[in-house]
Amino acid sequence: MTAIAERRWPDAFRHASLAAGGGVVLLVALMALLAPLVAPHDPFLQNLDHRLIPPVWEAEGRWAHPLGTDALGRDYLSRLIHGARISLLIALAVGLLSGLIGTGLGLAAGYYGGWVDTAVLFVLTNRLAMPGVLITLAVVAIVGGSLTVVILVLGFLNWDRFAVVVRSAAQREANRDYVLAASAHGSSALRIMLAEILPNLVGPLLVVLTVEMAHAILIEAALSFLGLGVPPPNPSWGLMVNEAKDHIFFHPWMIFIPGIAIFTLVLAINLVGDGLRDVLAPEWRP
């Protein structure tokens, strides 16, 4: 982390969107980590005698099931809490995998230039020409939906933003005095990229990471809604929406609750990214 970035960190606590988004993300993360302790019921336990109980704000709601139950009698609040684990796991895993691929390609292209840059740009152009969502749907439909498959497919398809941002930043940093001094001192290219250039790209990387995390949550929810994502009976938020679609007219809360959860988490992550951009990379402001 650069000295400039370190001086900007105190501003983060006074940034409204960063504080609000970070608070929501932290709350969801704690809820996910402590899910076995805070969930009032087993999210997989079925009880047909208690099926389709409405939330407590409706006339027939019960405090034993504050958010009601689904068509199989499973507690909705418990499934929502455990579903946060899946959403955050996919967001982090996809973000880190795509970040590793994109950052590596972007660093190599930005630092070496020449034919390496041309080769990376060729790969990047071909990736951008591919309809990512359609490819994801096709691969998952052929291979089969599972948590691992969703993470790998999204991770190998969502690295382009990292590559574009890191390549541009690395080209700028490659001509700085500290990089030229390290090269003159005899440092290897790998050490220069990882120890000299990469630490100065932390700000932009964090911003792109938040964008990719939010994108991964939305794509996973869409895949699960189509029955191609996380398989049942796992409590994925997208799968909860899929299972509730037949009850939309008589029990609309079954769709609204997981839908609001997805919207809130994605919005919070985007607010964190917007705040990090302002605090760590103000030159990105429009």
Protein backbone atom coordinates (compact mmCIF):
# COMPACT_ATOMS: atom_id res chain seq x y z
CA MET A 1 0.00 0.00 0.00
CA THR A 2 1.38 3.35 -0.96
CA ALA A 3 1.84 6.21 1.48
CA ILE A 4 -0.84 8.23 -0.31
CA ALA A 5 -3.34 5.38 0.07
CA GLU A 6 -2.46 5.04 3.75
CA ARG A 7 -3.20 8.71 4.30
CA ARG A 8 -6.55 8.29 2.59
CA TRP A 9 -7.75 5.37 4.75
CA PRO A 10 -8.97 7.65 7.59
CA ASP A 11 -11.26 9.33 5.03
CA ALA A 12 -12.97 5.97 4.48
CA PHE A 13 -14.70 6.14 7.85
CA ARG A 14 -16.25 9.47 6.89
CA HIS A 15 -17.40 8.38 3.44
CA ALA A 16 -21.18 7.91 3.50
CA SER A 17 -21.59 5.28 0.78
CA LEU A 18 -18.56 3.31 1.92
CA ALA A 19 -19.76 3.31 5.53
CA ALA A 20 -23.31 2.34 4.60
CA GLY A 21 -22.34 -0.35 2.10
CA GLY A 22 -19.57 -1.69 4.33
CA GLY A 23 -21.96 -1.92 7.26
CA VAL A 24 -24.46 -3.98 5.28
CA VAL A 25 -21.77 -6.26 3.83
CA LEU A 26 -20.27 -6.76 7.30
CA LEU A 27 -23.69 -7.58 8.73
CA VAL A 28 -24.39 -10.12 5.97
CA ALA A 29 -20.92 -11.64 6.40
CA LEU A 30 -21.43 -12.04 10.16
CA MET A 31 -24.85 -13.53 9.53
CA ALA A 32 -23.33 -16.01 7.08
CA LEU A 33 -20.44 -16.96 9.38
CA LEU A 34 -22.72 -17.44 12.36
CA ALA A 35 -25.56 -19.04 10.38
CA PRO A 36 -25.72 -22.26 12.46
CA LEU A 37 -25.98 -20.16 15.61
CA VAL A 38 -28.38 -17.41 14.52
CA ALA A 39 -30.71 -19.38 12.22
CA PRO A 40 -33.79 -20.35 14.25
CA HIS A 41 -34.38 -23.64 12.37
CA ASP A 42 -32.66 -26.19 10.19
CA PRO A 43 -32.86 -24.73 6.64
CA PHE A 44 -33.32 -28.24 5.19
CA LEU A 45 -35.97 -29.46 7.63
CA GLN A 46 -39.31 -30.06 5.90
CA ASN A 47 -42.67 -29.99 7.65
CA LEU A 48 -45.70 -30.13 5.39
CA ASP A 49 -47.97 -29.33 8.31
CA HIS A 50 -46.36 -25.86 8.42
CA ARG A 51 -46.15 -25.16 4.69
CA LEU A 52 -46.75 -21.67 3.28
CA ILE A 53 -47.03 -19.91 6.63
CA PRO A 54 -46.98 -16.16 5.86
CA PRO A 55 -44.55 -13.69 7.46
CA VAL A 56 -45.40 -12.09 10.81
CA TRP A 57 -46.63 -8.85 9.21
CA GLU A 58 -49.52 -10.75 7.65
CA ALA A 59 -52.64 -11.83 9.54
CA GLU A 60 -51.78 -15.52 9.86
CA GLY A 61 -48.08 -15.04 10.51
CA ARG A 62 -46.31 -16.71 13.43
CA TRP A 63 -43.30 -15.53 15.39
CA ALA A 64 -41.95 -19.09 15.30
CA HIS A 65 -41.33 -18.41 11.59
CA PRO A 66 -40.81 -14.61 11.29
CA LEU A 67 -40.44 -14.68 7.49
CA GLY A 68 -42.82 -17.58 6.97
CA THR A 69 -42.20 -20.98 5.42
CA ASP A 70 -41.94 -22.25 1.86
CA ALA A 71 -44.02 -24.86 0.01
CA LEU A 72 -42.19 -27.66 1.83
CA GLY A 73 -42.56 -26.10 5.27
CA ARG A 74 -38.92 -25.00 5.55
CA ASP A 75 -38.26 -21.87 7.59
CA TYR A 76 -37.67 -18.95 5.22
CA LEU A 77 -35.52 -16.91 7.59
CA SER A 78 -33.18 -19.85 8.16
CA ARG A 79 -32.87 -20.48 4.43
CA LEU A 80 -32.24 -16.78 3.83
CA ILE A 81 -29.46 -16.71 6.44
CA HIS A 82 -27.77 -19.84 5.09
CA GLY A 83 -28.24 -18.57 1.54
CA ALA A 84 -26.00 -15.63 2.41
CA ARG A 85 -23.15 -18.13 2.77
CA ILE A 86 -23.55 -19.31 -0.81
CA SER A 87 -23.80 -15.78 -2.22
CA LEU A 88 -20.72 -14.52 -0.37
CA LEU A 89 -18.71 -17.68 -1.12
CA ILE A 90 -19.42 -17.38 -4.84
CA ALA A 91 -18.71 -13.64 -4.80
CA LEU A 92 -15.33 -14.04 -3.07
CA ALA A 93 -14.23 -17.15 -4.96
CA VAL A 94 -15.16 -15.76 -8.39
CA GLY A 95 -13.63 -12.39 -7.56
CA LEU A 96 -10.34 -13.92 -6.44
CA LEU A 97 -10.11 -16.40 -9.34
CA SER A 98 -10.94 -13.85 -12.02
CA GLY A 99 -8.69 -11.32 -10.29
CA LEU A 100 -5.75 -13.73 -10.32
CA ILE A 101 -6.16 -14.42 -14.03
CA GLY A 102 -6.84 -10.84 -15.11
CA THR A 103 -4.18 -9.30 -12.89
CA GLY A 104 -1.53 -11.70 -14.14
CA LEU A 105 -2.33 -11.04 -17.78
CA GLY A 106 -2.63 -7.29 -17.25
CA LEU A 107 0.69 -7.05 -15.40
CA ALA A 108 2.51 -9.02 -18.09
CA ALA A 109 0.99 -6.96 -20.91
CA GLY A 110 1.59 -3.62 -19.21
CA TYR A 111 5.14 -4.30 -18.10
CA TYR A 112 6.59 -6.19 -21.05
CA GLY A 113 4.66 -4.54 -23.89
CA GLY A 114 5.59 -5.65 -27.41
CA TRP A 115 4.45 -9.08 -28.49
CA VAL A 116 3.31 -9.99 -24.98
CA ASP A 117 0.94 -7.02 -24.96
CA THR A 118 -0.27 -7.96 -28.44
CA ALA A 119 -0.94 -11.56 -27.38
CA VAL A 120 -2.82 -10.49 -24.24
CA LEU A 121 -4.87 -7.98 -26.22
CA PHE A 122 -5.75 -10.72 -28.70
CA VAL A 123 -6.98 -12.98 -25.91
CA LEU A 124 -8.80 -10.07 -24.27
CA THR A 125 -10.50 -9.05 -27.52
CA ASN A 126 -11.70 -12.59 -28.10
CA ARG A 127 -13.00 -12.79 -24.55
CA LEU A 128 -14.91 -9.51 -24.91
CA ALA A 129 -16.42 -10.77 -28.17
CA MET A 130 -17.94 -13.72 -26.34
CA PRO A 131 -21.42 -13.39 -24.81
CA GLY A 132 -20.42 -14.27 -21.27
CA VAL A 133 -23.89 -15.02 -19.93
CA LEU A 134 -24.77 -17.28 -22.87
CA ILE A 135 -21.48 -19.17 -22.56
CA THR A 136 -22.08 -19.59 -18.83
CA LEU A 137 -25.57 -20.93 -19.48
CA ALA A 138 -24.28 -23.35 -22.14
CA VAL A 139 -21.38 -24.69 -20.05
CA VAL A 140 -23.48 -25.13 -16.91
CA ALA A 141 -26.27 -26.79 -18.90
CA ILE A 142 -23.79 -29.26 -20.44
CA VAL A 143 -21.62 -29.99 -17.40
CA GLY A 144 -24.36 -29.71 -14.80
CA GLY A 145 -25.06 -27.16 -12.11
CA SER A 146 -23.07 -27.21 -8.89
CA LEU A 147 -21.35 -24.70 -6.64
CA THR A 148 -17.91 -25.65 -7.96
CA VAL A 149 -18.95 -25.47 -11.61
CA VAL A 150 -20.56 -22.05 -11.17
CA ILE A 151 -17.44 -20.67 -9.45
CA LEU A 152 -15.05 -22.04 -12.08
CA VAL A 153 -17.11 -20.93 -15.07
CA LEU A 154 -17.67 -17.42 -13.76
CA GLY A 155 -14.06 -17.12 -12.60
CA PHE A 156 -12.66 -18.04 -16.00
CA LEU A 157 -15.06 -15.71 -17.83
CA ASN A 158 -15.02 -12.55 -15.68
CA TRP A 159 -11.33 -11.62 -15.68
CA ASP A 160 -11.47 -9.05 -18.50
CA ARG A 161 -12.10 -5.97 -16.30
CA PHE A 162 -9.09 -6.83 -14.16
CA ALA A 163 -6.91 -7.24 -17.23
CA VAL A 164 -7.98 -3.93 -18.79
CA VAL A 165 -7.50 -1.91 -15.60
CA VAL A 166 -4.22 -3.54 -14.56
CA ARG A 167 -2.73 -3.34 -18.05
CA SER A 168 -3.42 0.38 -18.28
CA ALA A 169 -2.12 1.06 -14.77
CA ALA A 170 0.95 -1.15 -15.24
CA GLN A 171 1.89 0.69 -18.45
CA ARG A 172 1.81 3.94 -16.50
CA GLU A 173 3.78 2.58 -13.56
CA ALA A 174 6.38 0.79 -15.70
CA ASN A 175 8.05 4.09 -16.60
CA ARG A 176 8.18 5.47 -13.07
CA ASP A 177 11.53 6.13 -11.44
CA TYR A 178 11.14 3.50 -8.74
CA VAL A 179 10.59 0.77 -11.37
CA LEU A 180 13.57 1.93 -13.44
CA ALA A 181 15.69 2.01 -10.28
CA ALA A 182 14.68 -1.53 -9.35
CA SER A 183 15.48 -2.71 -12.86
CA ALA A 184 18.88 -0.99 -12.77
CA HIS A 185 19.54 -2.63 -9.41
CA GLY A 186 19.20 -6.02 -11.05
CA SER A 187 15.74 -7.04 -9.83
CA SER A 188 13.99 -9.67 -11.91
CA ALA A 189 10.93 -8.79 -13.96
CA LEU A 190 8.76 -11.00 -11.75
CA ARG A 191 9.94 -9.27 -8.59
CA ILE A 192 9.41 -5.83 -10.12
CA MET A 193 5.86 -6.70 -11.15
CA LEU A 194 4.87 -8.32 -7.85
CA ALA A 195 6.84 -6.28 -5.32
CA GLU A 196 7.04 -2.86 -6.99
CA ILE A 197 4.15 -2.36 -9.40
CA LEU A 198 1.38 -4.54 -7.92
CA PRO A 199 1.27 -2.84 -4.46
CA ASN A 200 0.56 0.48 -6.19
CA LEU A 201 -2.46 -1.03 -7.97
CA VAL A 202 -4.29 -2.15 -4.82
CA GLY A 203 -6.81 0.71 -5.00
CA PRO A 204 -8.02 0.05 -8.56
CA LEU A 205 -7.96 -3.71 -7.94
CA LEU A 206 -10.23 -3.41 -4.90
CA VAL A 207 -12.70 -1.35 -6.88
CA VAL A 208 -12.81 -3.87 -9.74
CA LEU A 209 -13.07 -6.70 -7.21
CA THR A 210 -16.26 -5.25 -5.75
CA VAL A 211 -17.75 -4.89 -9.24
CA GLU A 212 -16.98 -8.51 -10.07
CA MET A 213 -18.31 -9.75 -6.72
CA ALA A 214 -21.64 -8.02 -7.28
CA HIS A 215 -21.76 -9.31 -10.85
CA ALA A 216 -21.07 -12.88 -9.71
CA ILE A 217 -23.92 -12.75 -7.18
CA LEU A 218 -26.36 -11.60 -9.86
CA ILE A 219 -25.24 -14.23 -12.39
CA GLU A 220 -25.43 -17.01 -9.78
CA ALA A 221 -28.91 -15.90 -8.78
CA ALA A 222 -29.98 -15.91 -12.44
CA LEU A 223 -28.51 -19.37 -13.02
CA SER A 224 -30.16 -20.75 -9.89
CA PHE A 225 -33.47 -19.18 -10.91
CA LEU A 226 -33.22 -21.01 -14.23
CA GLY A 227 -32.38 -24.25 -12.43
CA LEU A 228 -28.79 -24.30 -13.72
CA GLY A 229 -26.94 -22.95 -10.69
CA VAL A 230 -26.63 -24.26 -7.17
CA PRO A 231 -28.76 -27.44 -7.03
CA PRO A 232 -31.56 -27.94 -4.49
CA PRO A 233 -32.02 -28.32 -1.58
CA ASN A 234 -29.21 -25.78 -1.01
CA PRO A 235 -30.69 -22.46 0.16
CA SER A 236 -29.46 -20.24 -2.68
CA TRP A 237 -31.33 -16.94 -2.92
CA GLY A 238 -31.81 -17.38 -6.66
CA LEU A 239 -33.12 -20.91 -6.09
CA MET A 240 -35.55 -19.56 -3.48
CA VAL A 241 -36.95 -17.21 -6.12
CA ASN A 242 -37.20 -20.13 -8.56
CA GLU A 243 -39.06 -22.28 -6.06
CA ALA A 244 -41.46 -19.42 -5.28
CA LYS A 245 -42.41 -18.48 -8.85
CA ASP A 246 -45.47 -20.75 -8.81
CA HIS A 247 -46.79 -18.87 -5.77
CA ILE A 248 -46.23 -15.33 -7.03
CA PHE A 249 -49.93 -14.42 -7.21
CA PHE A 250 -51.04 -15.80 -3.85
CA HIS A 251 -47.81 -15.57 -1.83
CA PRO A 252 -45.74 -12.78 -3.45
CA TRP A 253 -43.63 -12.37 -0.31
CA MET A 254 -41.89 -15.63 -1.19
CA ILE A 255 -40.27 -13.86 -4.15
CA PHE A 256 -39.94 -10.41 -2.60
CA ILE A 257 -37.89 -11.58 0.41
CA PRO A 258 -34.99 -13.29 -1.43
CA GLY A 259 -35.24 -10.68 -4.19
CA ILE A 260 -34.79 -7.85 -1.69
CA ALA A 261 -31.88 -9.76 -0.13
CA ILE A 262 -30.11 -10.02 -3.51
CA PHE A 263 -30.80 -6.36 -4.30
CA THR A 264 -29.56 -5.18 -0.90
CA LEU A 265 -26.31 -7.17 -0.96
CA VAL A 266 -25.47 -6.19 -4.55
CA LEU A 267 -26.23 -2.54 -3.82
CA ALA A 268 -24.10 -2.63 -0.66
CA ILE A 269 -21.12 -4.13 -2.50
CA ASN A 270 -21.43 -1.50 -5.23
CA LEU A 271 -21.55 1.24 -2.59
CA VAL A 272 -18.34 -0.17 -1.11
CA GLY A 273 -16.72 -0.10 -4.54
CA ASP A 274 -17.88 3.45 -5.18
CA GLY A 275 -16.52 4.55 -1.81
CA LEU A 276 -13.19 2.80 -2.35
CA ARG A 277 -12.87 4.51 -5.72
CA ASP A 278 -13.32 7.90 -4.09
CA VAL A 279 -10.94 7.14 -1.21
CA LEU A 280 -8.17 5.19 -2.95
CA ALA A 281 -8.46 6.14 -6.60
CA PRO A 282 -10.02 9.61 -6.89
CA GLU A 283 -8.60 9.98 -10.38
CA TRP A 284 -11.29 7.52 -11.53
CA ARG A 285 -14.07 9.94 -10.67
CA PRO A 286 -16.12 11.07 -13.69
